[in-house]
C-alpha atoms as a PDB file:
ATOM      1  CA  MET A   1      -5.977   4.450 -24.193  1.00  0.00           C
ATOM      2  CA  ALA A   2      -9.240   6.442 -24.543  1.00  0.00           C
ATOM      3  CA  ARG A   3     -12.232   4.199 -27.190  1.00  0.00           C
ATOM      4  CA  ASN A   4     -12.523   7.487 -28.927  1.00  0.00           C
ATOM      5  CA  ASP A   5      -8.516   8.003 -29.263  1.00  0.00           C
ATOM      6  CA  TYR A   6      -7.381   8.870 -33.203  1.00  0.00           C
ATOM      7  CA  VAL A   7      -4.830   6.369 -32.569  1.00  0.00           C
ATOM      8  CA  PRO A   8      -5.588   2.684 -32.599  1.00  0.00           C
ATOM      9  CA  ALA A   9      -5.015   0.522 -29.853  1.00  0.00           C
ATOM     10  CA  ASN A  10      -4.965  -2.870 -32.264  1.00  0.00           C
ATOM     11  CA  ALA A  11      -1.433  -3.393 -32.731  1.00  0.00           C
ATOM     12  CA  ALA A  12      -2.145  -4.209 -36.606  1.00  0.00           C
ATOM     13  CA  GLN A  13      -4.117  -1.079 -37.123  1.00  0.00           C
ATOM     14  CA  PHE A  14      -1.915   0.819 -34.813  1.00  0.00           C
ATOM     15  CA  LYS A  15       1.210  -0.548 -37.544  1.00  0.00           C
ATOM     16  CA  PHE A  16      -1.155   0.036 -40.683  1.00  0.00           C
ATOM     17  CA  PHE A  17      -2.105   4.083 -38.590  1.00  0.00           C
ATOM     18  CA  MET A  18       1.580   4.978 -38.537  1.00  0.00           C
ATOM     19  CA  GLU A  19       2.923   3.121 -41.377  1.00  0.00           C
ATOM     20  CA  ASN A  20       0.044   4.735 -43.308  1.00  0.00           C
ATOM     21  CA  ILE A  21       1.299   8.615 -42.164  1.00  0.00           C
ATOM     22  CA  ILE A  22       5.094   8.459 -42.794  1.00  0.00           C
ATOM     23  CA  LYS A  23       4.951   6.880 -46.124  1.00  0.00           C
ATOM     24  CA  TYR A  24       2.283   9.974 -46.935  1.00  0.00           C
ATOM     25  CA  ALA A  25       4.818  12.120 -45.196  1.00  0.00           C
ATOM     26  CA  ALA A  26       7.809  10.986 -46.495  1.00  0.00           C
ATOM     27  CA  PRO A  27       7.767  12.944 -49.989  1.00  0.00           C
ATOM     28  CA  LYS A  28       7.349  15.702 -48.835  1.00  0.00           C
ATOM     29  CA  ILE A  29       9.236  16.409 -45.542  1.00  0.00           C
ATOM     30  CA  THR A  30      12.586  14.567 -47.348  1.00  0.00           C
ATOM     31  CA  GLU A  31      11.957  15.986 -51.207  1.00  0.00           C
ATOM     32  CA  GLN A  32      10.191  18.617 -50.588  1.00  0.00           C
ATOM     33  CA  PRO A  33      11.351  20.464 -47.027  1.00  0.00           C
ATOM     34  CA  GLN A  34      10.769  23.839 -47.660  1.00  0.00           C
ATOM     35  CA  ASP A  35       7.255  22.799 -48.303  1.00  0.00           C
ATOM     36  CA  TRP A  36       6.958  20.477 -45.441  1.00  0.00           C
ATOM     37  CA  PRO A  37       9.723  21.992 -43.162  1.00  0.00           C
ATOM     38  CA  VAL A  38      10.237  19.410 -40.213  1.00  0.00           C
ATOM     39  CA  PRO A  39      13.995  18.787 -38.508  1.00  0.00           C
ATOM     40  CA  LEU A  40      15.363  15.604 -40.164  1.00  0.00           C
ATOM     41  CA  GLU A  41      16.245  15.226 -36.187  1.00  0.00           C
ATOM     42  CA  ARG A  42      12.364  14.852 -35.939  1.00  0.00           C
ATOM     43  CA  TRP A  43      11.862  13.043 -38.768  1.00  0.00           C
ATOM     44  CA  ASN A  44      14.756  10.105 -38.111  1.00  0.00           C
ATOM     45  CA  GLU A  45      13.387   9.763 -34.477  1.00  0.00           C
ATOM     46  CA  LEU A  46       9.628   9.219 -35.369  1.00  0.00           C
ATOM     47  CA  ASN A  47      10.703   6.276 -38.242  1.00  0.00           C
ATOM     48  CA  SER A  48      13.263   4.626 -36.122  1.00  0.00           C
ATOM     49  CA  ALA A  49      10.082   4.410 -33.419  1.00  0.00           C
ATOM     50  CA  PHE A  50       8.615   2.653 -36.242  1.00  0.00           C
ATOM     51  CA  GLU A  51      11.056   0.245 -37.329  1.00  0.00           C
ATOM     52  CA  VAL A  52      11.871  -0.400 -32.961  1.00  0.00           C
ATOM     53  CA  PHE A  53       7.967  -1.242 -33.534  1.00  0.00           C
ATOM     54  CA  ASP A  54       7.507  -3.129 -36.430  1.00  0.00           C
ATOM     55  CA  ASN A  55      10.434  -5.651 -35.621  1.00  0.00           C
ATOM     56  CA  ALA A  56       8.433  -6.131 -32.187  1.00  0.00           C
ATOM     57  CA  PHE A  57       4.817  -6.940 -34.854  1.00  0.00           C
ATOM     58  CA  THR A  58       7.081  -9.260 -36.739  1.00  0.00           C
ATOM     59  CA  ALA A  59       8.504 -10.702 -33.863  1.00  0.00           C
ATOM     60  CA  ALA A  60       5.237 -11.261 -31.865  1.00  0.00           C
ATOM     61  CA  GLU A  61       3.435 -12.763 -35.072  1.00  0.00           C
ATOM     62  CA  LYS A  62       5.491 -15.624 -35.981  1.00  0.00           C
ATOM     63  CA  VAL A  63       6.658 -16.283 -32.034  1.00  0.00           C
ATOM     64  CA  PRO A  64       3.772 -15.034 -29.989  1.00  0.00           C
ATOM     65  CA  THR A  65       5.048 -15.895 -26.717  1.00  0.00           C
ATOM     66  CA  SER A  66       4.404 -13.652 -22.943  1.00  0.00           C
ATOM     67  CA  ALA A  67       7.524 -12.599 -23.290  1.00  0.00           C
ATOM     68  CA  ASN A  68       7.750 -10.819 -27.227  1.00  0.00           C
ATOM     69  CA  ILE A  69       4.067 -10.197 -26.755  1.00  0.00           C
ATOM     70  CA  SER A  70       5.656  -7.967 -23.982  1.00  0.00           C
ATOM     71  CA  GLU A  71       7.637  -6.319 -25.889  1.00  0.00           C
ATOM     72  CA  ARG A  72       5.614  -5.181 -28.521  1.00  0.00           C
ATOM     73  CA  ARG A  73       3.514  -4.012 -26.074  1.00  0.00           C
ATOM     74  CA  ARG A  74       6.819  -1.584 -24.779  1.00  0.00           C
ATOM     75  CA  VAL A  75       7.620  -0.282 -27.235  1.00  0.00           C
ATOM     76  CA  GLN A  76       4.352   0.301 -29.722  1.00  0.00           C
ATOM     77  CA  ALA A  77       3.822   2.595 -26.484  1.00  0.00           C
ATOM     78  CA  GLU A  78       6.612   3.878 -27.421  1.00  0.00           C
ATOM     79  CA  ALA A  79       6.255   4.752 -30.885  1.00  0.00           C
ATOM     80  CA  THR A  80       2.458   6.190 -29.915  1.00  0.00           C
ATOM     81  CA  LYS A  81       4.558   8.503 -28.019  1.00  0.00           C
ATOM     82  CA  VAL A  82       6.555   9.411 -30.492  1.00  0.00           C
ATOM     83  CA  LEU A  83       4.066   9.955 -32.814  1.00  0.00           C
ATOM     84  CA  ARG A  84       1.425  11.714 -30.935  1.00  0.00           C
ATOM     85  CA  GLY A  85       4.935  14.146 -30.819  1.00  0.00           C
ATOM     86  CA  PHE A  86       5.468  14.534 -34.017  1.00  0.00           C
ATOM     87  CA  VAL A  87       1.473  15.066 -35.353  1.00  0.00           C
ATOM     88  CA  ASN A  88       0.749  17.321 -32.504  1.00  0.00           C
ATOM     89  CA  GLN A  89       4.149  19.443 -33.577  1.00  0.00           C
ATOM     90  CA  TYR A  90       3.557  19.755 -37.018  1.00  0.00           C
ATOM     91  CA  LEU A  91       1.022  18.334 -38.903  1.00  0.00           C
ATOM     92  CA  ARG A  92      -0.964  20.324 -36.900  1.00  0.00           C
ATOM     93  CA  PHE A  93      -0.821  23.343 -38.933  1.00  0.00           C
ATOM     94  CA  PRO A  94      -0.103  24.830 -42.185  1.00  0.00           C
ATOM     95  CA  PRO A  95       0.972  23.938 -44.226  1.00  0.00           C
ATOM     96  CA  VAL A  96      -0.245  20.620 -44.004  1.00  0.00           C
ATOM     97  CA  THR A  97      -4.128  20.872 -45.553  1.00  0.00           C
ATOM     98  CA  ASP A  98      -7.228  19.062 -44.025  1.00  0.00           C
ATOM     99  CA  LEU A  99      -7.465  17.359 -46.365  1.00  0.00           C
ATOM    100  CA  ASP A 100      -3.651  15.575 -46.474  1.00  0.00           C
ATOM    101  CA  ARG A 101      -4.743  14.475 -42.168  1.00  0.00           C
ATOM    102  CA  ASP A 102      -7.776  13.171 -43.781  1.00  0.00           C
ATOM    103  CA  ASN A 103      -5.171  10.931 -46.242  1.00  0.00           C
ATOM    104  CA  MET A 104      -3.767  10.375 -43.079  1.00  0.00           C
ATOM    105  CA  HIS A 105      -6.671   9.266 -41.096  1.00  0.00           C
ATOM    106  CA  ILE A 106      -5.799  12.333 -38.591  1.00  0.00           C
ATOM    107  CA  PRO A 107      -8.790  13.488 -37.614  1.00  0.00           C
ATOM    108  CA  ASN A 108      -8.907  17.805 -37.968  1.00  0.00           C
ATOM    109  CA  ARG A 109     -10.426  20.442 -35.447  1.00  0.00           C
ATOM    110  CA  ASP A 110     -13.850  20.682 -34.852  1.00  0.00           C
ATOM    111  CA  THR A 111     -14.419  23.935 -37.101  1.00  0.00           C
ATOM    112  CA  VAL A 112     -17.421  25.093 -34.528  1.00  0.00           C
ATOM    113  CA  ARG A 113     -16.731  27.837 -32.815  1.00  0.00           C
ATOM    114  CA  THR A 114     -18.795  29.037 -29.607  1.00  0.00           C
ATOM    115  CA  ASP A 115     -18.509  32.791 -29.802  1.00  0.00           C
ATOM    116  CA  HIS A 116     -18.537  32.539 -25.784  1.00  0.00           C
ATOM    117  CA  VAL A 117     -14.913  30.674 -26.405  1.00  0.00           C
ATOM    118  CA  VAL A 118     -11.559  32.704 -25.766  1.00  0.00           C
ATOM    119  CA  VAL A 119      -8.542  32.427 -24.558  1.00  0.00           C
ATOM    120  CA  ASN A 120      -7.295  34.741 -22.170  1.00  0.00           C
ATOM    121  CA  GLU A 121      -4.620  33.172 -20.105  1.00  0.00           C
ATOM    122  CA  THR A 122      -0.724  34.115 -21.527  1.00  0.00           C
ATOM    123  CA  VAL A 123       2.492  32.876 -21.389  1.00  0.00           C
ATOM    124  CA  GLU A 124       5.641  33.091 -19.130  1.00  0.00           C
ATOM    125  CA  HIS A 125       9.026  31.621 -20.694  1.00  0.00           C
ATOM    126  CA  THR A 126      13.014  31.838 -20.242  1.00  0.00           C
ATOM    127  CA  ILE A 127      15.679  30.848 -22.936  1.00  0.00           C
ATOM    128  CA  HIS A 128      18.632  28.950 -21.810  1.00  0.00           C
ATOM    129  CA  ALA A 129      20.954  26.825 -23.015  1.00  0.00           C
ATOM    130  CA  GLU A 130      21.393  23.752 -23.033  1.00  0.00           C
ATOM    131  CA  GLY A 131      24.656  22.031 -24.727  1.00  0.00           C
ATOM    132  CA  ALA A 132      25.996  23.017 -29.323  1.00  0.00           C
ATOM    133  CA  ARG A 133      23.163  23.849 -30.351  1.00  0.00           C
ATOM    134  CA  CYS A 134      20.611  23.850 -28.815  1.00  0.00           C
ATOM    135  CA  LEU A 135      18.050  25.874 -26.251  1.00  0.00           C
ATOM    136  CA  LYS A 136      15.585  24.845 -23.709  1.00  0.00           C
ATOM    137  CA  ILE A 137      12.435  26.970 -23.735  1.00  0.00           C
ATOM    138  CA  ASP A 138      10.945  26.142 -19.996  1.00  0.00           C
ATOM    139  CA  PHE A 139       7.319  28.300 -19.827  1.00  0.00           C
ATOM    140  CA  TRP A 140       4.211  28.521 -18.100  1.00  0.00           C
ATOM    141  CA  GLN A 141       0.848  30.229 -17.466  1.00  0.00           C
ATOM    142  CA  THR A 142       1.850  33.760 -16.135  1.00  0.00           C
ATOM    143  CA  GLY A 143       0.494  34.893 -11.999  1.00  0.00           C
ATOM    144  CA  VAL A 144       0.733  30.640 -11.435  1.00  0.00           C
ATOM    145  CA  ALA A 145       3.525  29.028  -9.538  1.00  0.00           C
ATOM    146  CA  HIS A 146       2.824  25.245 -11.097  1.00  0.00           C
ATOM    147  CA  LYS A 147       4.113  24.898 -14.363  1.00  0.00           C
ATOM    148  CA  ALA A 148       1.514  22.814 -15.729  1.00  0.00           C
ATOM    149  CA  LYS A 149      -0.418  23.861 -18.900  1.00  0.00           C
ATOM    150  CA  PRO A 150      -3.429  25.082 -18.776  1.00  0.00           C
ATOM    151  CA  GLU A 151      -6.824  23.014 -17.848  1.00  0.00           C
ATOM    152  CA  GLY A 152      -8.361  21.257 -21.545  1.00  0.00           C
ATOM    153  CA  TYR A 153      -5.609  23.457 -23.510  1.00  0.00           C
ATOM    154  CA  GLU A 154      -3.759  21.060 -25.944  1.00  0.00           C
ATOM    155  CA  GLY A 155      -0.435  23.432 -25.274  1.00  0.00           C
ATOM    156  CA  ALA A 156       1.657  26.681 -25.994  1.00  0.00           C
ATOM    157  CA  VAL A 157       2.131  26.890 -29.632  1.00  0.00           C
ATOM    158  CA  ILE A 158       6.047  28.036 -30.320  1.00  0.00           C
ATOM    159  CA  VAL A 159       7.188  30.529 -33.127  1.00  0.00           C
ATOM    160  CA  TRP A 160      10.921  31.459 -33.507  1.00  0.00           C
ATOM    161  CA  GLU A 161      13.337  31.940 -36.318  1.00  0.00           C
ATOM    162  CA  CYS A 162      17.249  32.835 -36.355  1.00  0.00           C
ATOM    163  CA  PHE A 163      19.374  35.853 -37.862  1.00  0.00           C
ATOM    164  CA  ASP A 164      22.514  36.708 -37.731  1.00  0.00           C
ATOM    165  CA  THR A 165      22.418  39.845 -35.987  1.00  0.00           C
ATOM    166  CA  LYS A 166      24.314  41.291 -32.834  1.00  0.00           C
ATOM    167  CA  PRO A 167      22.669  40.995 -29.409  1.00  0.00           C
ATOM    168  CA  ASP A 168      21.715  45.087 -28.976  1.00  0.00           C
ATOM    169  CA  THR A 169      19.582  44.385 -32.250  1.00  0.00           C
ATOM    170  CA  PRO A 170      16.766  45.119 -31.967  1.00  0.00           C
ATOM    171  CA  CYS A 171      13.685  42.644 -32.281  1.00  0.00           C
ATOM    172  CA  PRO A 172      11.439  41.856 -35.205  1.00  0.00           C
ATOM    173  CA  ALA A 173       8.500  44.338 -34.779  1.00  0.00           C
ATOM    174  CA  ASP A 174       5.667  41.450 -33.836  1.00  0.00           C
ATOM    175  CA  GLN A 175       5.752  37.814 -34.236  1.00  0.00           C
ATOM    176  CA  ASP A 176       4.873  37.627 -38.118  1.00  0.00           C
ATOM    177  CA  GLY A 177       8.196  37.587 -38.032  1.00  0.00           C
ATOM    178  CA  LEU A 178       9.194  34.199 -36.929  1.00  0.00           C
ATOM    179  CA  ALA A 179       8.540  31.734 -39.479  1.00  0.00           C
ATOM    180  CA  HIS A 180       9.418  28.111 -37.586  1.00  0.00           C
ATOM    181  CA  HIS A 181       6.208  26.736 -34.995  1.00  0.00           C
ATOM    182  CA  ALA A 182       5.259  23.632 -33.095  1.00  0.00           C
ATOM    183  CA  MET A 183       3.076  22.554 -30.241  1.00  0.00           C
ATOM    184  CA  ALA A 184       4.704  22.391 -26.880  1.00  0.00           C
ATOM    185  CA  SER A 185       2.464  20.643 -24.731  1.00  0.00           C
ATOM    186  CA  ARG A 186       4.358  20.039 -22.510  1.00  0.00           C
ATOM    187  CA  THR A 187       7.602  22.374 -20.965  1.00  0.00           C
ATOM    188  CA  PRO A 188      10.553  22.654 -21.295  1.00  0.00           C
ATOM    189  CA  TYR A 189      10.777  22.990 -24.783  1.00  0.00           C
ATOM    190  CA  HIS A 190      14.389  22.362 -26.807  1.00  0.00           C
ATOM    191  CA  LEU A 191      14.492  24.473 -30.016  1.00  0.00           C
ATOM    192  CA  HIS A 192      17.653  22.183 -31.829  1.00  0.00           C
ATOM    193  CA  PHE A 193      19.637  24.214 -34.914  1.00  0.00           C
ATOM    194  CA  HIS A 194      22.415  23.524 -36.936  1.00  0.00           C
ATOM    195  CA  GLU A 195      25.971  24.019 -37.054  1.00  0.00           C
ATOM    196  CA  SER A 196      25.640  27.059 -39.064  1.00  0.00           C
ATOM    197  CA  ASP A 197      23.194  29.046 -36.661  1.00  0.00           C
ATOM    198  CA  ARG A 198      25.673  28.831 -34.532  1.00  0.00           C
ATOM    199  CA  GLY A 199      26.213  31.708 -32.568  1.00  0.00           C
ATOM    200  CA  LYS A 200      22.995  33.958 -34.499  1.00  0.00           C
ATOM    201  CA  THR A 201      20.236  35.286 -32.590  1.00  0.00           C
ATOM    202  CA  VAL A 202      17.044  33.536 -31.747  1.00  0.00           C
ATOM    203  CA  TYR A 203      13.847  35.621 -30.964  1.00  0.00           C
ATOM    204  CA  VAL A 204      10.748  33.250 -29.793  1.00  0.00           C
ATOM    205  CA  ALA A 205       6.860  34.284 -28.980  1.00  0.00           C
ATOM    206  CA  MET A 206       4.475  31.837 -27.678  1.00  0.00           C
ATOM    207  CA  ALA A 207       0.609  31.915 -27.163  1.00  0.00           C
ATOM    208  CA  TRP A 208      -1.619  28.703 -24.968  1.00  0.00           C
ATOM    209  CA  GLN A 209      -3.684  27.129 -27.487  1.00  0.00           C
ATOM    210  CA  ASN A 210      -7.122  25.214 -26.369  1.00  0.00           C
ATOM    211  CA  GLU A 211      -7.898  21.849 -28.049  1.00  0.00           C
ATOM    212  CA  ARG A 212     -10.488  23.651 -29.802  1.00  0.00           C
ATOM    213  CA  GLY A 213      -7.597  25.733 -31.973  1.00  0.00           C
ATOM    214  CA  ILE A 214      -8.470  29.577 -29.742  1.00  0.00           C
ATOM    215  CA  ARG A 215      -4.881  30.038 -29.295  1.00  0.00           C
ATOM    216  CA  GLY A 216      -4.483  33.542 -26.699  1.00  0.00           C
ATOM    217  CA  PRO A 217      -2.369  36.383 -26.839  1.00  0.00           C
ATOM    218  CA  TRP A 218       1.469  36.174 -27.842  1.00  0.00           C
ATOM    219  CA  SER A 219       4.097  36.250 -24.811  1.00  0.00           C
ATOM    220  CA  ASP A 220       6.877  39.142 -25.026  1.00  0.00           C
ATOM    221  CA  ILE A 221       9.334  38.343 -27.951  1.00  0.00           C
ATOM    222  CA  LYS A 222      12.605  37.279 -25.977  1.00  0.00           C
ATOM    223  CA  SER A 223      16.149  36.472 -27.495  1.00  0.00           C
ATOM    224  CA  ALA A 224      19.283  34.237 -26.922  1.00  0.00           C
ATOM    225  CA  ILE A 225      21.837  33.198 -28.577  1.00  0.00           C
ATOM    226  CA  VAL A 226      22.805  30.041 -30.402  1.00  0.00           C
ATOM    227  CA  PRO A 227      24.916  27.930 -28.403  1.00  0.00           C
END
């Protein structure tokens, strides 16, 4: 990990950091889900990753053998990956505030912008069913042969919404009608739905966002049926 990384490399500091985020976010996600809408499976994944790390951390503290220490390092790397994905997809955007991020010790974006920094790249994407209640979103930069995100970009913002409509029903007029959002740091991105959403039409749009938080133009809105 880089020295200026906001996620601590030291195991004890990492434990405090991740535990603090979970404790702060728990009442907002579990008691007021309308305020911080996070899919239950992702919240459970975060808690499970922390539990596995915490157990390995405790074991390495009690019996610091090379095997226990190696296991702690391995599960810390896995927990770090899960934590980064969770932060980038759910804690970088409103309704999470700068004050919330300060309380979770997550650094806020640099608010200083240079006028000449503009995101011109656009996103192309396709939507395919991938098992029950899951859609796979493949996306890439318009006009390029590979699927890597543009250099210096955080990823693509994805917005979507489910409607109980027929496939030939006109799509929403613009992206403001798509209430859910996340940061897709790599392709493909998977959207998971509830059983009650099966058969509904989901509409999806995407836009690149660079590391300064500047977003580019939206893609066309595309639709698919929740399998």
